[in-house]
N, C-alpha and C. Protein backbone atom coordinates (compact mmCIF):
# COMPACT_ATOMS: atom_id res chain seq x y z
N UNK A 1 -43.68 -18.81 137.64
CA UNK A 1 -42.46 -18.44 138.31
C UNK A 1 -42.41 -16.92 138.42
N UNK A 2 -42.10 -16.41 139.57
CA UNK A 2 -42.01 -14.97 139.80
C UNK A 2 -40.59 -14.53 139.45
N UNK A 3 -40.47 -13.44 138.71
CA UNK A 3 -39.15 -13.02 138.24
C UNK A 3 -38.83 -11.61 138.69
N UNK A 4 -37.54 -11.33 138.76
CA UNK A 4 -37.00 -10.02 139.12
C UNK A 4 -37.45 -8.99 138.08
N UNK A 5 -37.71 -7.77 138.51
CA UNK A 5 -38.18 -6.72 137.61
C UNK A 5 -37.09 -5.73 137.21
N UNK A 6 -35.85 -5.94 137.61
CA UNK A 6 -34.78 -5.03 137.23
C UNK A 6 -34.12 -5.51 135.95
N UNK A 7 -33.72 -4.57 135.11
CA UNK A 7 -33.11 -4.90 133.83
C UNK A 7 -31.72 -5.49 134.05
N UNK A 8 -31.42 -6.60 133.39
CA UNK A 8 -30.07 -7.16 133.49
C UNK A 8 -29.04 -6.17 132.94
N UNK A 9 -27.81 -6.24 133.42
CA UNK A 9 -26.77 -5.34 132.92
C UNK A 9 -26.33 -5.79 131.53
N UNK A 10 -25.49 -4.99 130.88
CA UNK A 10 -25.07 -5.25 129.50
C UNK A 10 -24.40 -6.62 129.35
N UNK A 11 -23.54 -6.97 130.30
CA UNK A 11 -22.85 -8.27 130.21
C UNK A 11 -23.85 -9.42 130.29
N UNK A 12 -24.83 -9.30 131.20
CA UNK A 12 -25.84 -10.35 131.34
C UNK A 12 -26.70 -10.45 130.08
N UNK A 13 -27.04 -9.30 129.47
CA UNK A 13 -27.82 -9.30 128.22
C UNK A 13 -27.05 -9.98 127.10
N UNK A 14 -25.77 -9.66 126.99
CA UNK A 14 -24.93 -10.28 125.95
C UNK A 14 -24.87 -11.79 126.15
N UNK A 15 -24.67 -12.20 127.39
CA UNK A 15 -24.60 -13.64 127.69
C UNK A 15 -25.93 -14.32 127.38
N UNK A 16 -27.04 -13.67 127.71
CA UNK A 16 -28.36 -14.24 127.44
C UNK A 16 -28.59 -14.34 125.93
N UNK A 17 -28.26 -13.30 125.20
CA UNK A 17 -28.45 -13.30 123.74
C UNK A 17 -27.70 -14.48 123.11
N UNK A 18 -26.51 -14.77 123.58
CA UNK A 18 -25.73 -15.90 123.04
C UNK A 18 -26.43 -17.23 123.28
N UNK A 19 -27.21 -17.32 124.34
CA UNK A 19 -27.89 -18.58 124.67
C UNK A 19 -29.20 -18.77 123.91
N UNK A 20 -29.71 -17.71 123.34
CA UNK A 20 -30.99 -17.79 122.62
C UNK A 20 -30.73 -18.35 121.22
N UNK A 21 -31.27 -19.53 120.96
CA UNK A 21 -30.99 -20.23 119.70
C UNK A 21 -32.22 -20.41 118.82
N UNK A 22 -33.29 -19.71 119.17
CA UNK A 22 -34.54 -19.84 118.41
C UNK A 22 -35.39 -18.59 118.64
N UNK A 23 -36.49 -18.46 117.92
CA UNK A 23 -37.35 -17.29 118.13
C UNK A 23 -37.99 -17.27 119.52
N UNK A 24 -38.33 -16.09 119.95
CA UNK A 24 -39.10 -15.88 121.18
C UNK A 24 -40.50 -15.48 120.71
N UNK A 25 -41.51 -16.27 121.06
CA UNK A 25 -42.89 -15.98 120.67
C UNK A 25 -43.63 -15.43 121.87
N UNK A 26 -44.19 -14.24 121.72
CA UNK A 26 -44.99 -13.62 122.77
C UNK A 26 -46.45 -13.92 122.50
N UNK A 27 -47.13 -14.50 123.49
CA UNK A 27 -48.54 -14.86 123.37
C UNK A 27 -49.32 -14.19 124.50
N UNK A 28 -50.61 -14.04 124.30
CA UNK A 28 -51.46 -13.45 125.32
C UNK A 28 -52.59 -12.66 124.68
N UNK A 29 -53.42 -12.11 125.52
CA UNK A 29 -54.61 -11.38 125.09
C UNK A 29 -54.27 -10.13 124.28
N UNK A 30 -55.20 -9.73 123.43
CA UNK A 30 -55.05 -8.45 122.73
C UNK A 30 -54.96 -7.34 123.78
N UNK A 31 -54.06 -6.40 123.54
CA UNK A 31 -53.91 -5.28 124.45
C UNK A 31 -52.94 -5.52 125.59
N UNK A 32 -52.38 -6.73 125.69
CA UNK A 32 -51.47 -7.02 126.80
C UNK A 32 -50.10 -6.36 126.59
N UNK A 33 -49.79 -5.99 125.35
CA UNK A 33 -48.52 -5.32 125.08
C UNK A 33 -47.51 -6.17 124.33
N UNK A 34 -47.96 -7.18 123.61
CA UNK A 34 -47.03 -8.07 122.91
C UNK A 34 -46.16 -7.30 121.91
N UNK A 35 -46.75 -6.39 121.16
CA UNK A 35 -45.97 -5.63 120.18
C UNK A 35 -45.07 -4.60 120.86
N UNK A 36 -45.60 -3.84 121.79
CA UNK A 36 -44.80 -2.82 122.48
C UNK A 36 -43.66 -3.45 123.27
N UNK A 37 -43.96 -4.47 124.03
CA UNK A 37 -42.93 -5.17 124.81
C UNK A 37 -41.97 -5.88 123.86
N UNK A 38 -42.53 -6.49 122.82
CA UNK A 38 -41.71 -7.23 121.86
C UNK A 38 -40.65 -6.37 121.20
N UNK A 39 -41.02 -5.16 120.79
CA UNK A 39 -40.05 -4.26 120.16
C UNK A 39 -38.93 -3.92 121.13
N UNK A 40 -39.28 -3.64 122.36
CA UNK A 40 -38.27 -3.30 123.38
C UNK A 40 -37.41 -4.51 123.73
N UNK A 41 -38.02 -5.69 123.80
CA UNK A 41 -37.29 -6.91 124.08
C UNK A 41 -36.28 -7.19 122.97
N UNK A 42 -36.72 -7.08 121.72
CA UNK A 42 -35.82 -7.30 120.58
C UNK A 42 -34.66 -6.31 120.60
N UNK A 43 -34.95 -5.05 120.91
CA UNK A 43 -33.88 -4.04 120.99
C UNK A 43 -32.89 -4.38 122.09
N UNK A 44 -33.39 -4.81 123.25
CA UNK A 44 -32.51 -5.16 124.37
C UNK A 44 -31.59 -6.32 124.01
N UNK A 45 -32.12 -7.28 123.25
CA UNK A 45 -31.34 -8.46 122.87
C UNK A 45 -30.59 -8.27 121.55
N UNK A 46 -30.85 -7.15 120.87
CA UNK A 46 -30.24 -6.85 119.57
C UNK A 46 -30.54 -7.96 118.55
N UNK A 47 -31.83 -8.34 118.51
CA UNK A 47 -32.31 -9.31 117.52
C UNK A 47 -33.53 -8.69 116.83
N UNK A 48 -33.92 -9.21 115.67
CA UNK A 48 -35.06 -8.62 114.95
C UNK A 48 -36.38 -8.81 115.70
N UNK A 49 -37.32 -7.91 115.39
CA UNK A 49 -38.70 -7.99 115.89
C UNK A 49 -39.62 -8.13 114.69
N UNK A 50 -40.64 -8.96 114.82
CA UNK A 50 -41.65 -9.08 113.78
C UNK A 50 -43.02 -9.23 114.44
N UNK A 51 -43.99 -8.54 113.89
CA UNK A 51 -45.37 -8.62 114.38
C UNK A 51 -46.14 -9.54 113.43
N UNK A 52 -46.63 -10.65 113.95
CA UNK A 52 -47.32 -11.64 113.11
C UNK A 52 -48.53 -11.02 112.41
N UNK A 53 -49.28 -10.14 113.09
CA UNK A 53 -50.44 -9.52 112.45
C UNK A 53 -50.03 -8.69 111.23
N UNK A 54 -48.91 -7.95 111.34
CA UNK A 54 -48.42 -7.18 110.19
C UNK A 54 -48.07 -8.11 109.03
N UNK A 55 -47.43 -9.23 109.35
CA UNK A 55 -47.04 -10.19 108.32
C UNK A 55 -48.25 -10.86 107.68
N UNK A 56 -49.29 -11.10 108.48
CA UNK A 56 -50.54 -11.68 107.95
C UNK A 56 -51.16 -10.70 106.96
N UNK A 57 -51.21 -9.42 107.34
CA UNK A 57 -51.78 -8.40 106.45
C UNK A 57 -50.99 -8.29 105.15
N UNK A 58 -49.65 -8.35 105.24
CA UNK A 58 -48.81 -8.29 104.03
C UNK A 58 -49.09 -9.49 103.14
N UNK A 59 -49.15 -10.68 103.72
CA UNK A 59 -49.37 -11.90 102.94
C UNK A 59 -50.74 -11.90 102.27
N UNK A 60 -51.74 -11.43 102.99
CA UNK A 60 -53.12 -11.45 102.46
C UNK A 60 -53.44 -10.22 101.61
N UNK A 61 -52.61 -9.18 101.74
CA UNK A 61 -52.88 -7.89 101.09
C UNK A 61 -54.24 -7.34 101.51
N UNK A 62 -54.59 -7.63 102.80
CA UNK A 62 -55.83 -7.16 103.41
C UNK A 62 -55.52 -6.83 104.86
N UNK A 63 -56.36 -5.97 105.46
CA UNK A 63 -56.21 -5.70 106.89
C UNK A 63 -56.83 -6.87 107.67
N UNK A 64 -56.48 -6.95 108.95
CA UNK A 64 -57.07 -8.01 109.79
C UNK A 64 -58.61 -7.92 109.77
N UNK A 65 -59.20 -6.73 109.97
CA UNK A 65 -60.67 -6.67 109.90
C UNK A 65 -61.22 -7.13 108.54
N UNK A 66 -60.52 -6.80 107.45
CA UNK A 66 -60.98 -7.24 106.12
C UNK A 66 -60.88 -8.76 105.98
N UNK A 67 -59.83 -9.36 106.54
CA UNK A 67 -59.68 -10.82 106.48
C UNK A 67 -60.82 -11.48 107.25
N UNK A 68 -61.12 -10.96 108.47
CA UNK A 68 -62.22 -11.51 109.26
C UNK A 68 -63.53 -11.39 108.48
N UNK A 69 -63.75 -10.24 107.86
CA UNK A 69 -65.00 -10.02 107.14
C UNK A 69 -65.12 -10.96 105.94
N UNK A 70 -64.04 -11.15 105.21
CA UNK A 70 -64.07 -11.95 103.99
C UNK A 70 -64.04 -13.46 104.27
N UNK A 71 -63.28 -13.88 105.28
CA UNK A 71 -63.04 -15.32 105.47
C UNK A 71 -63.48 -15.86 106.82
N UNK A 72 -63.92 -14.96 107.73
CA UNK A 72 -64.33 -15.39 109.05
C UNK A 72 -63.12 -15.68 109.93
N UNK A 73 -63.40 -15.97 111.18
CA UNK A 73 -62.31 -16.23 112.11
C UNK A 73 -61.54 -17.50 111.74
N UNK A 74 -62.24 -18.54 111.27
CA UNK A 74 -61.56 -19.80 110.91
C UNK A 74 -60.57 -19.58 109.77
N UNK A 75 -60.97 -18.82 108.76
CA UNK A 75 -60.07 -18.51 107.65
C UNK A 75 -58.87 -17.69 108.10
N UNK A 76 -59.12 -16.73 108.98
CA UNK A 76 -58.03 -15.93 109.53
C UNK A 76 -57.04 -16.81 110.28
N UNK A 77 -57.56 -17.69 111.15
CA UNK A 77 -56.68 -18.54 111.98
C UNK A 77 -55.83 -19.47 111.12
N UNK A 78 -56.38 -19.95 110.00
CA UNK A 78 -55.61 -20.80 109.11
C UNK A 78 -54.43 -20.03 108.51
N UNK A 79 -54.69 -18.83 108.02
CA UNK A 79 -53.61 -18.01 107.48
C UNK A 79 -52.61 -17.62 108.56
N UNK A 80 -53.11 -17.33 109.75
CA UNK A 80 -52.26 -16.96 110.87
C UNK A 80 -51.28 -18.10 111.19
N UNK A 81 -51.78 -19.33 111.23
CA UNK A 81 -50.93 -20.49 111.53
C UNK A 81 -49.82 -20.62 110.50
N UNK A 82 -50.16 -20.45 109.22
CA UNK A 82 -49.16 -20.57 108.16
C UNK A 82 -48.10 -19.49 108.27
N UNK A 83 -48.51 -18.26 108.56
CA UNK A 83 -47.55 -17.17 108.70
C UNK A 83 -46.65 -17.39 109.92
N UNK A 84 -47.23 -17.79 111.03
CA UNK A 84 -46.42 -18.03 112.24
C UNK A 84 -45.43 -19.17 112.00
N UNK A 85 -45.84 -20.21 111.29
CA UNK A 85 -44.92 -21.32 110.97
C UNK A 85 -43.72 -20.80 110.20
N UNK A 86 -43.96 -19.86 109.29
CA UNK A 86 -42.86 -19.25 108.52
C UNK A 86 -41.98 -18.39 109.41
N UNK A 87 -42.59 -17.65 110.34
CA UNK A 87 -41.85 -16.72 111.20
C UNK A 87 -40.97 -17.43 112.23
N UNK A 88 -41.41 -18.57 112.71
CA UNK A 88 -40.61 -19.28 113.74
C UNK A 88 -39.72 -20.31 113.04
N UNK A 89 -38.85 -19.79 112.19
CA UNK A 89 -37.99 -20.58 111.32
C UNK A 89 -36.69 -21.02 111.98
N UNK A 90 -36.53 -20.78 113.27
CA UNK A 90 -35.32 -21.21 113.96
C UNK A 90 -34.35 -20.10 114.25
N UNK A 91 -34.41 -19.00 113.52
CA UNK A 91 -33.48 -17.89 113.75
C UNK A 91 -33.97 -17.04 114.92
N UNK A 92 -33.06 -16.63 115.81
CA UNK A 92 -33.47 -15.79 116.93
C UNK A 92 -34.12 -14.48 116.46
N UNK A 93 -35.28 -14.22 117.00
CA UNK A 93 -36.03 -12.98 116.75
C UNK A 93 -37.16 -12.97 117.77
N UNK A 94 -37.80 -11.84 117.91
CA UNK A 94 -38.98 -11.76 118.77
C UNK A 94 -40.20 -11.68 117.86
N UNK A 95 -41.17 -12.55 118.10
CA UNK A 95 -42.40 -12.60 117.30
C UNK A 95 -43.58 -12.29 118.21
N UNK A 96 -44.25 -11.17 117.94
CA UNK A 96 -45.50 -10.85 118.64
C UNK A 96 -46.64 -11.50 117.87
N UNK A 97 -47.42 -12.33 118.55
CA UNK A 97 -48.52 -13.03 117.88
C UNK A 97 -49.85 -12.39 118.24
N UNK A 98 -50.87 -12.69 117.46
CA UNK A 98 -52.21 -12.21 117.76
C UNK A 98 -52.77 -12.90 118.99
N UNK A 99 -53.76 -12.28 119.61
CA UNK A 99 -54.32 -12.78 120.86
C UNK A 99 -54.88 -14.19 120.79
N UNK A 100 -55.42 -14.60 119.66
CA UNK A 100 -56.01 -15.93 119.54
C UNK A 100 -55.10 -16.98 118.94
N UNK A 101 -53.91 -16.58 118.51
CA UNK A 101 -53.02 -17.51 117.80
C UNK A 101 -52.71 -18.75 118.63
N UNK A 102 -52.36 -18.57 119.89
CA UNK A 102 -51.91 -19.66 120.73
C UNK A 102 -53.05 -20.58 121.15
N UNK A 103 -54.28 -20.14 120.94
CA UNK A 103 -55.44 -20.95 121.29
C UNK A 103 -55.62 -22.08 120.28
N UNK A 104 -55.21 -21.84 119.03
CA UNK A 104 -55.27 -22.85 117.99
C UNK A 104 -54.26 -23.96 118.31
N UNK A 105 -54.72 -25.19 118.45
CA UNK A 105 -53.86 -26.30 118.89
C UNK A 105 -52.64 -26.50 117.98
N UNK A 106 -52.84 -26.41 116.66
CA UNK A 106 -51.72 -26.59 115.72
C UNK A 106 -50.69 -25.47 115.87
N UNK A 107 -51.18 -24.24 115.95
CA UNK A 107 -50.29 -23.08 116.09
C UNK A 107 -49.56 -23.15 117.42
N UNK A 108 -50.27 -23.53 118.47
CA UNK A 108 -49.66 -23.66 119.80
C UNK A 108 -48.55 -24.71 119.78
N UNK A 109 -48.80 -25.87 119.16
CA UNK A 109 -47.79 -26.92 119.07
C UNK A 109 -46.56 -26.44 118.31
N UNK A 110 -46.77 -25.70 117.22
CA UNK A 110 -45.65 -25.12 116.47
C UNK A 110 -44.79 -24.23 117.37
N UNK A 111 -45.45 -23.32 118.08
CA UNK A 111 -44.71 -22.37 118.92
C UNK A 111 -44.01 -23.09 120.07
N UNK A 112 -44.69 -24.02 120.72
CA UNK A 112 -44.07 -24.73 121.84
C UNK A 112 -42.89 -25.57 121.37
N UNK A 113 -42.94 -26.08 120.16
CA UNK A 113 -41.87 -26.92 119.64
C UNK A 113 -40.69 -26.16 119.06
N UNK A 114 -40.94 -24.94 118.57
CA UNK A 114 -39.89 -24.25 117.82
C UNK A 114 -39.51 -22.88 118.37
N UNK A 115 -40.14 -22.45 119.46
CA UNK A 115 -39.86 -21.10 119.98
C UNK A 115 -39.78 -21.12 121.50
N UNK A 116 -39.18 -20.09 122.03
CA UNK A 116 -39.25 -19.83 123.47
C UNK A 116 -40.55 -19.06 123.64
N UNK A 117 -41.54 -19.67 124.25
CA UNK A 117 -42.88 -19.09 124.30
C UNK A 117 -43.13 -18.42 125.65
N UNK A 118 -43.51 -17.15 125.57
CA UNK A 118 -43.73 -16.33 126.76
C UNK A 118 -45.18 -15.86 126.75
N UNK A 119 -45.91 -16.16 127.82
CA UNK A 119 -47.28 -15.67 128.00
C UNK A 119 -47.22 -14.35 128.74
N UNK A 120 -47.60 -13.28 128.05
CA UNK A 120 -47.78 -11.99 128.70
C UNK A 120 -49.22 -11.92 129.16
N UNK A 121 -49.41 -11.70 130.44
CA UNK A 121 -50.73 -11.72 131.05
C UNK A 121 -51.04 -10.36 131.64
N UNK A 122 -52.30 -10.04 131.79
CA UNK A 122 -52.72 -8.78 132.37
C UNK A 122 -54.15 -8.92 132.88
N UNK A 123 -54.52 -8.02 133.78
CA UNK A 123 -55.90 -8.05 134.26
C UNK A 123 -56.82 -7.40 133.22
N UNK A 124 -58.11 -7.70 133.33
CA UNK A 124 -59.08 -7.22 132.35
C UNK A 124 -59.14 -5.69 132.31
N UNK A 125 -59.04 -5.03 133.45
CA UNK A 125 -59.09 -3.56 133.46
C UNK A 125 -57.99 -2.95 132.61
N UNK A 126 -56.78 -3.48 132.71
CA UNK A 126 -55.66 -2.99 131.90
C UNK A 126 -55.93 -3.27 130.43
N UNK A 127 -56.45 -4.44 130.11
CA UNK A 127 -56.75 -4.78 128.72
C UNK A 127 -57.80 -3.84 128.13
N UNK A 128 -58.82 -3.51 128.91
CA UNK A 128 -59.87 -2.60 128.44
C UNK A 128 -59.27 -1.24 128.12
N UNK A 129 -58.46 -0.74 129.04
CA UNK A 129 -57.85 0.59 128.84
C UNK A 129 -56.95 0.59 127.60
N UNK A 130 -56.17 -0.44 127.40
CA UNK A 130 -55.23 -0.49 126.27
C UNK A 130 -55.94 -0.72 124.93
N UNK A 131 -56.95 -1.59 124.91
CA UNK A 131 -57.62 -1.88 123.63
C UNK A 131 -58.52 -0.74 123.19
N UNK A 132 -58.92 0.13 124.10
CA UNK A 132 -59.78 1.26 123.74
C UNK A 132 -59.04 2.27 122.86
N UNK A 133 -57.72 2.20 122.82
CA UNK A 133 -56.90 3.16 122.05
C UNK A 133 -56.97 2.92 120.55
N UNK A 134 -57.38 1.70 120.12
CA UNK A 134 -57.39 1.37 118.70
C UNK A 134 -58.71 0.70 118.34
N UNK A 135 -59.15 0.89 117.11
CA UNK A 135 -60.43 0.30 116.69
C UNK A 135 -60.23 -0.79 115.64
N UNK A 136 -59.06 -1.43 115.62
CA UNK A 136 -58.79 -2.45 114.59
C UNK A 136 -58.85 -3.86 115.17
N UNK A 137 -59.68 -4.06 116.17
CA UNK A 137 -59.78 -5.37 116.81
C UNK A 137 -61.17 -5.94 116.53
N UNK A 138 -61.27 -6.81 115.50
CA UNK A 138 -62.58 -7.31 115.06
C UNK A 138 -63.41 -7.96 116.17
N UNK A 139 -62.77 -8.65 117.08
CA UNK A 139 -63.53 -9.35 118.12
C UNK A 139 -64.14 -8.40 119.14
N UNK A 140 -63.71 -7.12 119.13
CA UNK A 140 -64.27 -6.14 120.07
C UNK A 140 -65.26 -5.18 119.41
N UNK A 141 -65.57 -5.40 118.15
CA UNK A 141 -66.43 -4.47 117.42
C UNK A 141 -67.91 -4.66 117.69
N UNK A 142 -68.28 -5.80 118.27
CA UNK A 142 -69.69 -6.03 118.56
C UNK A 142 -69.84 -6.38 120.03
N UNK A 143 -70.79 -5.76 120.66
CA UNK A 143 -71.04 -6.04 122.07
C UNK A 143 -70.17 -5.20 123.00
N UNK A 144 -70.24 -5.54 124.25
CA UNK A 144 -69.53 -4.83 125.30
C UNK A 144 -68.08 -5.32 125.37
N UNK A 145 -67.09 -4.42 125.14
CA UNK A 145 -65.68 -4.85 125.17
C UNK A 145 -65.28 -5.50 126.49
N UNK A 146 -65.79 -5.01 127.62
CA UNK A 146 -65.44 -5.61 128.92
C UNK A 146 -65.92 -7.07 128.98
N UNK A 147 -67.15 -7.30 128.56
CA UNK A 147 -67.68 -8.66 128.57
C UNK A 147 -66.89 -9.54 127.62
N UNK A 148 -66.59 -9.03 126.41
CA UNK A 148 -65.86 -9.81 125.42
C UNK A 148 -64.46 -10.15 125.93
N UNK A 149 -63.75 -9.16 126.46
CA UNK A 149 -62.39 -9.41 126.97
C UNK A 149 -62.41 -10.37 128.15
N UNK A 150 -63.36 -10.22 129.05
CA UNK A 150 -63.47 -11.13 130.20
C UNK A 150 -63.73 -12.55 129.74
N UNK A 151 -64.64 -12.71 128.79
CA UNK A 151 -64.98 -14.04 128.27
C UNK A 151 -63.79 -14.66 127.55
N UNK A 152 -63.15 -13.88 126.65
CA UNK A 152 -62.00 -14.41 125.90
C UNK A 152 -60.85 -14.78 126.83
N UNK A 153 -60.60 -13.94 127.82
CA UNK A 153 -59.52 -14.22 128.78
C UNK A 153 -59.79 -15.55 129.49
N UNK A 154 -61.03 -15.72 129.97
CA UNK A 154 -61.39 -16.96 130.66
C UNK A 154 -61.27 -18.18 129.72
N UNK A 155 -61.72 -18.03 128.48
CA UNK A 155 -61.68 -19.13 127.51
C UNK A 155 -60.24 -19.50 127.13
N UNK A 156 -59.36 -18.51 127.07
CA UNK A 156 -58.02 -18.73 126.53
C UNK A 156 -56.95 -19.06 127.57
N UNK A 157 -57.23 -18.80 128.83
CA UNK A 157 -56.18 -18.95 129.85
C UNK A 157 -55.61 -20.36 129.93
N UNK A 158 -56.41 -21.38 129.72
CA UNK A 158 -55.90 -22.75 129.77
C UNK A 158 -54.84 -22.97 128.69
N UNK A 159 -55.10 -22.45 127.49
CA UNK A 159 -54.11 -22.57 126.41
C UNK A 159 -52.87 -21.74 126.73
N UNK A 160 -53.07 -20.48 127.12
CA UNK A 160 -51.93 -19.62 127.43
C UNK A 160 -51.05 -20.23 128.52
N UNK A 161 -51.67 -20.91 129.46
CA UNK A 161 -50.92 -21.49 130.59
C UNK A 161 -49.94 -22.58 130.15
N UNK A 162 -50.06 -23.06 128.91
CA UNK A 162 -49.10 -24.05 128.40
C UNK A 162 -47.76 -23.41 128.07
N UNK A 163 -47.71 -22.10 127.93
CA UNK A 163 -46.43 -21.42 127.68
C UNK A 163 -45.54 -21.61 128.90
N UNK A 164 -44.28 -21.96 128.71
CA UNK A 164 -43.42 -22.24 129.85
C UNK A 164 -43.02 -21.01 130.67
N UNK A 165 -43.14 -19.84 130.09
CA UNK A 165 -42.78 -18.60 130.80
C UNK A 165 -44.03 -17.74 130.90
N UNK A 166 -44.35 -17.29 132.11
CA UNK A 166 -45.55 -16.50 132.38
C UNK A 166 -45.12 -15.19 133.04
N UNK A 167 -45.42 -14.07 132.39
CA UNK A 167 -45.04 -12.75 132.91
C UNK A 167 -46.29 -11.87 132.94
N UNK A 168 -46.51 -11.21 134.07
CA UNK A 168 -47.63 -10.29 134.18
C UNK A 168 -47.21 -8.91 133.73
N UNK A 169 -47.99 -8.34 132.82
CA UNK A 169 -47.77 -6.99 132.31
C UNK A 169 -48.85 -6.11 132.92
N UNK A 170 -48.47 -5.30 133.89
CA UNK A 170 -49.45 -4.48 134.59
C UNK A 170 -49.40 -3.04 134.16
N UNK A 171 -49.83 -2.18 135.06
CA UNK A 171 -49.91 -0.76 134.78
C UNK A 171 -48.55 -0.08 134.74
N UNK A 172 -47.49 -0.77 135.14
CA UNK A 172 -46.15 -0.20 135.13
C UNK A 172 -45.61 -0.01 133.73
N UNK A 173 -44.36 0.37 133.64
CA UNK A 173 -43.74 0.64 132.34
C UNK A 173 -43.47 -0.65 131.57
N UNK A 174 -43.35 -0.50 130.26
CA UNK A 174 -42.99 -1.64 129.43
C UNK A 174 -41.59 -2.12 129.78
N UNK A 175 -40.72 -1.21 130.22
CA UNK A 175 -39.35 -1.58 130.60
C UNK A 175 -39.37 -2.61 131.74
N UNK A 176 -40.28 -2.44 132.68
CA UNK A 176 -40.40 -3.42 133.78
C UNK A 176 -40.82 -4.78 133.25
N UNK A 177 -41.76 -4.76 132.31
CA UNK A 177 -42.23 -6.03 131.73
C UNK A 177 -41.11 -6.68 130.93
N UNK A 178 -40.36 -5.89 130.16
CA UNK A 178 -39.24 -6.44 129.40
C UNK A 178 -38.23 -7.08 130.34
N UNK A 179 -37.92 -6.41 131.44
CA UNK A 179 -36.97 -6.96 132.41
C UNK A 179 -37.47 -8.29 132.96
N UNK A 180 -38.77 -8.37 133.24
CA UNK A 180 -39.35 -9.61 133.75
C UNK A 180 -39.28 -10.72 132.69
N UNK A 181 -39.52 -10.37 131.43
CA UNK A 181 -39.43 -11.36 130.36
C UNK A 181 -37.99 -11.86 130.23
N UNK A 182 -37.02 -10.94 130.26
CA UNK A 182 -35.61 -11.33 130.15
C UNK A 182 -35.21 -12.27 131.28
N UNK A 183 -35.63 -11.96 132.48
CA UNK A 183 -35.31 -12.82 133.62
C UNK A 183 -36.00 -14.18 133.48
N UNK A 184 -37.24 -14.16 133.01
CA UNK A 184 -37.97 -15.42 132.80
C UNK A 184 -37.30 -16.30 131.77
N UNK A 185 -36.85 -15.71 130.66
CA UNK A 185 -36.15 -16.47 129.62
C UNK A 185 -34.84 -17.02 130.17
N UNK A 186 -34.11 -16.19 130.89
CA UNK A 186 -32.83 -16.60 131.47
C UNK A 186 -33.04 -17.81 132.40
N UNK A 187 -34.05 -17.74 133.26
CA UNK A 187 -34.32 -18.84 134.18
C UNK A 187 -34.76 -20.10 133.42
N UNK A 188 -35.57 -19.93 132.37
CA UNK A 188 -36.06 -21.06 131.61
C UNK A 188 -34.94 -21.77 130.85
N UNK A 189 -34.03 -20.97 130.25
CA UNK A 189 -32.92 -21.56 129.50
C UNK A 189 -31.97 -22.27 130.44
């Protein structure tokens, strides 16, 4: 569904916030802006923001790269699912999830059943530019990042497409993306 890119006015935001009765889970590729957009979305709705990766690191007392190194991707995904299950406890908040979280069938079912799930999407060029800013992405540490991002995007799109709200996050401002997410949630509710 294509959505308006202008920010709703204060009255519309207040009305929308009253209708939100569960967490909003942001899903999509690494670098798409789930955390940046999520913080702004939570501020606009005046609800809490939580980053699932930060919560995973707190629970494990390890960084994401350390978890991958010690337990592999399967071990990481298991812990990720448990943390996300705790985070989507029914109270309104915005939850930014890791890029692979929604690909896991159990985690995806949890989010689809208990959260307003929004797929933030972007083209590979934007993802490359954004992910180059940080070196804490284990899946990009080996090989060509462009090839890895292209492959992961192709592999994950079928799962991401199960999210009922689809918003493209392009080269524009995060404010534009937040406005599109707000309109998408409003239309979905």
